[in-house]
Amino acid sequence: MTFKFVLYCVITISVIWTMDTININQIFKKNVNPLQAKLFYFFLVLSMSYLVTNCIYDLFQSIHLL
């Protein structure tokens, strides 16, 4: 379980770093509430981190590295 926690931390930092390359302001409508945009960004980062971490973890389990 420790490996998965470390993987979550590393992947979350990586997702935040890669999401920083997107100009997210162009995606939203004009005059949108900034709190809504930040919350959307937060949930997007969380969901991406969850999906990537589980994909990598399952891959390691399937090839019996864990």
N, C-alpha and C. Protein backbone atom coordinates (compact mmCIF):
# COMPACT_ATOMS: atom_id res chain seq x y z
N MET A 1 0.83 -1.21 0.00
CA MET A 1 0.00 0.00 0.00
C MET A 1 0.86 1.26 0.00
N THR A 2 2.05 1.18 0.53
CA THR A 2 2.94 2.32 0.56
C THR A 2 3.34 2.74 -0.85
N PHE A 3 3.56 1.73 -1.70
CA PHE A 3 3.93 2.03 -3.08
C PHE A 3 2.83 2.84 -3.78
N LYS A 4 1.60 2.48 -3.54
CA LYS A 4 0.49 3.18 -4.19
C LYS A 4 0.39 4.62 -3.69
N PHE A 5 0.64 4.84 -2.41
CA PHE A 5 0.61 6.21 -1.87
C PHE A 5 1.71 7.06 -2.48
N VAL A 6 2.90 6.51 -2.59
CA VAL A 6 4.01 7.23 -3.22
C VAL A 6 3.69 7.51 -4.68
N LEU A 7 3.11 6.53 -5.34
CA LEU A 7 2.73 6.70 -6.74
C LEU A 7 1.69 7.81 -6.89
N TYR A 8 0.71 7.85 -5.97
CA TYR A 8 -0.28 8.93 -5.99
C TYR A 8 0.40 10.29 -5.86
N CYS A 9 1.32 10.42 -4.95
CA CYS A 9 2.01 11.70 -4.74
C CYS A 9 2.79 12.13 -5.98
N VAL A 10 3.54 11.20 -6.55
CA VAL A 10 4.35 11.52 -7.73
C VAL A 10 3.46 11.86 -8.92
N ILE A 11 2.42 11.09 -9.13
CA ILE A 11 1.53 11.31 -10.27
C ILE A 11 0.75 12.62 -10.11
N THR A 12 0.31 12.92 -8.90
CA THR A 12 -0.42 14.17 -8.68
C THR A 12 0.45 15.38 -8.98
N ILE A 13 1.69 15.35 -8.54
CA ILE A 13 2.61 16.44 -8.84
C ILE A 13 2.85 16.53 -10.34
N SER A 14 2.98 15.38 -11.00
CA SER A 14 3.19 15.37 -12.45
C SER A 14 1.98 15.90 -13.20
N VAL A 15 0.79 15.54 -12.75
CA VAL A 15 -0.43 16.01 -13.41
C VAL A 15 -0.58 17.52 -13.24
N ILE A 16 -0.30 18.02 -12.05
CA ILE A 16 -0.37 19.48 -11.83
C ILE A 16 0.64 20.18 -12.72
N TRP A 17 1.83 19.64 -12.82
CA TRP A 17 2.87 20.24 -13.66
C TRP A 17 2.47 20.24 -15.13
N THR A 18 1.88 19.13 -15.61
CA THR A 18 1.48 19.08 -17.01
C THR A 18 0.23 19.91 -17.29
N MET A 19 -0.68 19.97 -16.33
CA MET A 19 -1.89 20.78 -16.52
C MET A 19 -1.57 22.27 -16.53
N ASP A 20 -0.43 22.62 -15.98
CA ASP A 20 -0.02 24.02 -15.97
C ASP A 20 0.30 24.53 -17.38
N THR A 21 0.52 23.63 -18.32
CA THR A 21 0.83 24.05 -19.68
C THR A 21 -0.41 24.47 -20.46
N ILE A 22 -1.58 24.12 -19.94
CA ILE A 22 -2.84 24.46 -20.62
C ILE A 22 -3.31 25.84 -20.16
N ASN A 23 -3.69 26.67 -21.11
CA ASN A 23 -4.29 27.96 -20.77
C ASN A 23 -5.77 27.71 -20.52
N ILE A 24 -6.07 27.44 -19.29
CA ILE A 24 -7.43 27.00 -18.93
C ILE A 24 -8.44 28.14 -19.00
N ASN A 25 -7.98 29.38 -19.01
CA ASN A 25 -8.89 30.53 -19.08
C ASN A 25 -9.64 30.59 -20.41
N GLN A 26 -9.06 30.06 -21.46
CA GLN A 26 -9.72 30.08 -22.77
C GLN A 26 -10.82 29.04 -22.87
N ILE A 27 -10.84 28.09 -21.98
CA ILE A 27 -11.84 27.03 -22.02
C ILE A 27 -13.18 27.50 -21.47
N PHE A 28 -13.14 28.36 -20.47
CA PHE A 28 -14.36 28.77 -19.78
C PHE A 28 -15.05 29.93 -20.48
N LYS A 29 -16.33 30.07 -20.16
CA LYS A 29 -17.11 31.19 -20.68
C LYS A 29 -16.59 32.49 -20.08
N LYS A 30 -16.95 33.58 -20.71
CA LYS A 30 -16.59 34.88 -20.16
C LYS A 30 -17.40 35.13 -18.89
N ASN A 31 -16.82 35.87 -17.98
CA ASN A 31 -17.44 36.26 -16.71
C ASN A 31 -17.84 35.06 -15.85
N VAL A 32 -17.04 34.00 -15.90
CA VAL A 32 -17.32 32.85 -15.05
C VAL A 32 -16.75 33.12 -13.66
N ASN A 33 -17.40 32.55 -12.67
CA ASN A 33 -16.96 32.71 -11.29
C ASN A 33 -15.59 32.04 -11.13
N PRO A 34 -14.57 32.75 -10.63
CA PRO A 34 -13.23 32.16 -10.49
C PRO A 34 -13.20 30.93 -9.59
N LEU A 35 -14.08 30.91 -8.58
CA LEU A 35 -14.12 29.75 -7.69
C LEU A 35 -14.57 28.50 -8.45
N GLN A 36 -15.52 28.66 -9.36
CA GLN A 36 -15.96 27.52 -10.17
C GLN A 36 -14.83 27.00 -11.05
N ALA A 37 -14.08 27.90 -11.64
CA ALA A 37 -12.97 27.49 -12.51
C ALA A 37 -11.90 26.76 -11.71
N LYS A 38 -11.57 27.26 -10.53
CA LYS A 38 -10.57 26.61 -9.69
C LYS A 38 -11.04 25.25 -9.21
N LEU A 39 -12.31 25.15 -8.87
CA LEU A 39 -12.87 23.88 -8.43
C LEU A 39 -12.88 22.86 -9.56
N PHE A 40 -13.20 23.31 -10.76
CA PHE A 40 -13.15 22.43 -11.92
C PHE A 40 -11.73 21.93 -12.16
N TYR A 41 -10.76 22.83 -12.08
CA TYR A 41 -9.36 22.48 -12.26
C TYR A 41 -8.92 21.46 -11.19
N PHE A 42 -9.34 21.68 -9.95
CA PHE A 42 -9.01 20.78 -8.85
C PHE A 42 -9.57 19.38 -9.09
N PHE A 43 -10.84 19.30 -9.48
CA PHE A 43 -11.45 18.00 -9.73
C PHE A 43 -10.83 17.32 -10.95
N LEU A 44 -10.46 18.10 -11.94
CA LEU A 44 -9.81 17.54 -13.11
C LEU A 44 -8.45 16.94 -12.74
N VAL A 45 -7.69 17.64 -11.92
CA VAL A 45 -6.39 17.13 -11.47
C VAL A 45 -6.58 15.86 -10.64
N LEU A 46 -7.55 15.87 -9.74
CA LEU A 46 -7.80 14.69 -8.91
C LEU A 46 -8.20 13.48 -9.75
N SER A 47 -9.08 13.69 -10.70
CA SER A 47 -9.54 12.56 -11.51
C SER A 47 -8.43 12.04 -12.42
N MET A 48 -7.64 12.93 -12.98
CA MET A 48 -6.51 12.49 -13.81
C MET A 48 -5.49 11.73 -12.98
N SER A 49 -5.21 12.21 -11.78
CA SER A 49 -4.26 11.54 -10.90
C SER A 49 -4.75 10.14 -10.54
N TYR A 50 -6.02 10.04 -10.22
CA TYR A 50 -6.61 8.75 -9.87
C TYR A 50 -6.51 7.76 -11.03
N LEU A 51 -6.88 8.21 -12.21
CA LEU A 51 -6.87 7.32 -13.36
C LEU A 51 -5.47 6.87 -13.74
N VAL A 52 -4.53 7.79 -13.78
CA VAL A 52 -3.16 7.44 -14.16
C VAL A 52 -2.52 6.55 -13.11
N THR A 53 -2.71 6.86 -11.84
CA THR A 53 -2.13 6.05 -10.78
C THR A 53 -2.66 4.63 -10.81
N ASN A 54 -3.96 4.48 -10.94
CA ASN A 54 -4.53 3.14 -10.98
C ASN A 54 -4.11 2.37 -12.23
N CYS A 55 -3.96 3.06 -13.32
CA CYS A 55 -3.50 2.41 -14.55
C CYS A 55 -2.07 1.88 -14.36
N ILE A 56 -1.19 2.70 -13.84
CA ILE A 56 0.20 2.28 -13.63
C ILE A 56 0.28 1.18 -12.57
N TYR A 57 -0.48 1.33 -11.50
CA TYR A 57 -0.47 0.32 -10.44
C TYR A 57 -0.98 -1.02 -10.94
N ASP A 58 -2.05 -1.02 -11.70
CA ASP A 58 -2.59 -2.26 -12.27
C ASP A 58 -1.62 -2.88 -13.27
N LEU A 59 -0.94 -2.04 -14.02
CA LEU A 59 0.05 -2.53 -14.95
C LEU A 59 1.18 -3.25 -14.20
N PHE A 60 1.67 -2.65 -13.13
CA PHE A 60 2.72 -3.29 -12.34
C PHE A 60 2.23 -4.60 -11.71
N GLN A 61 1.00 -4.61 -11.28
CA GLN A 61 0.45 -5.85 -10.70
C GLN A 61 0.27 -6.93 -11.75
N SER A 62 -0.12 -6.56 -12.93
CA SER A 62 -0.37 -7.56 -13.97
C SER A 62 0.92 -8.20 -14.47
N ILE A 63 2.03 -7.46 -14.41
CA ILE A 63 3.30 -8.07 -14.85
C ILE A 63 4.10 -8.57 -13.65
N HIS A 64 3.44 -8.59 -12.48
CA HIS A 64 3.99 -9.20 -11.26
C HIS A 64 5.26 -8.53 -10.77
N LEU A 65 5.31 -7.21 -10.84
CA LEU A 65 6.45 -6.49 -10.28
C LEU A 65 6.22 -6.11 -8.83
N LEU A 66 4.98 -6.20 -8.36
CA LEU A 66 4.68 -5.86 -6.97
C LEU A 66 4.41 -7.11 -6.17
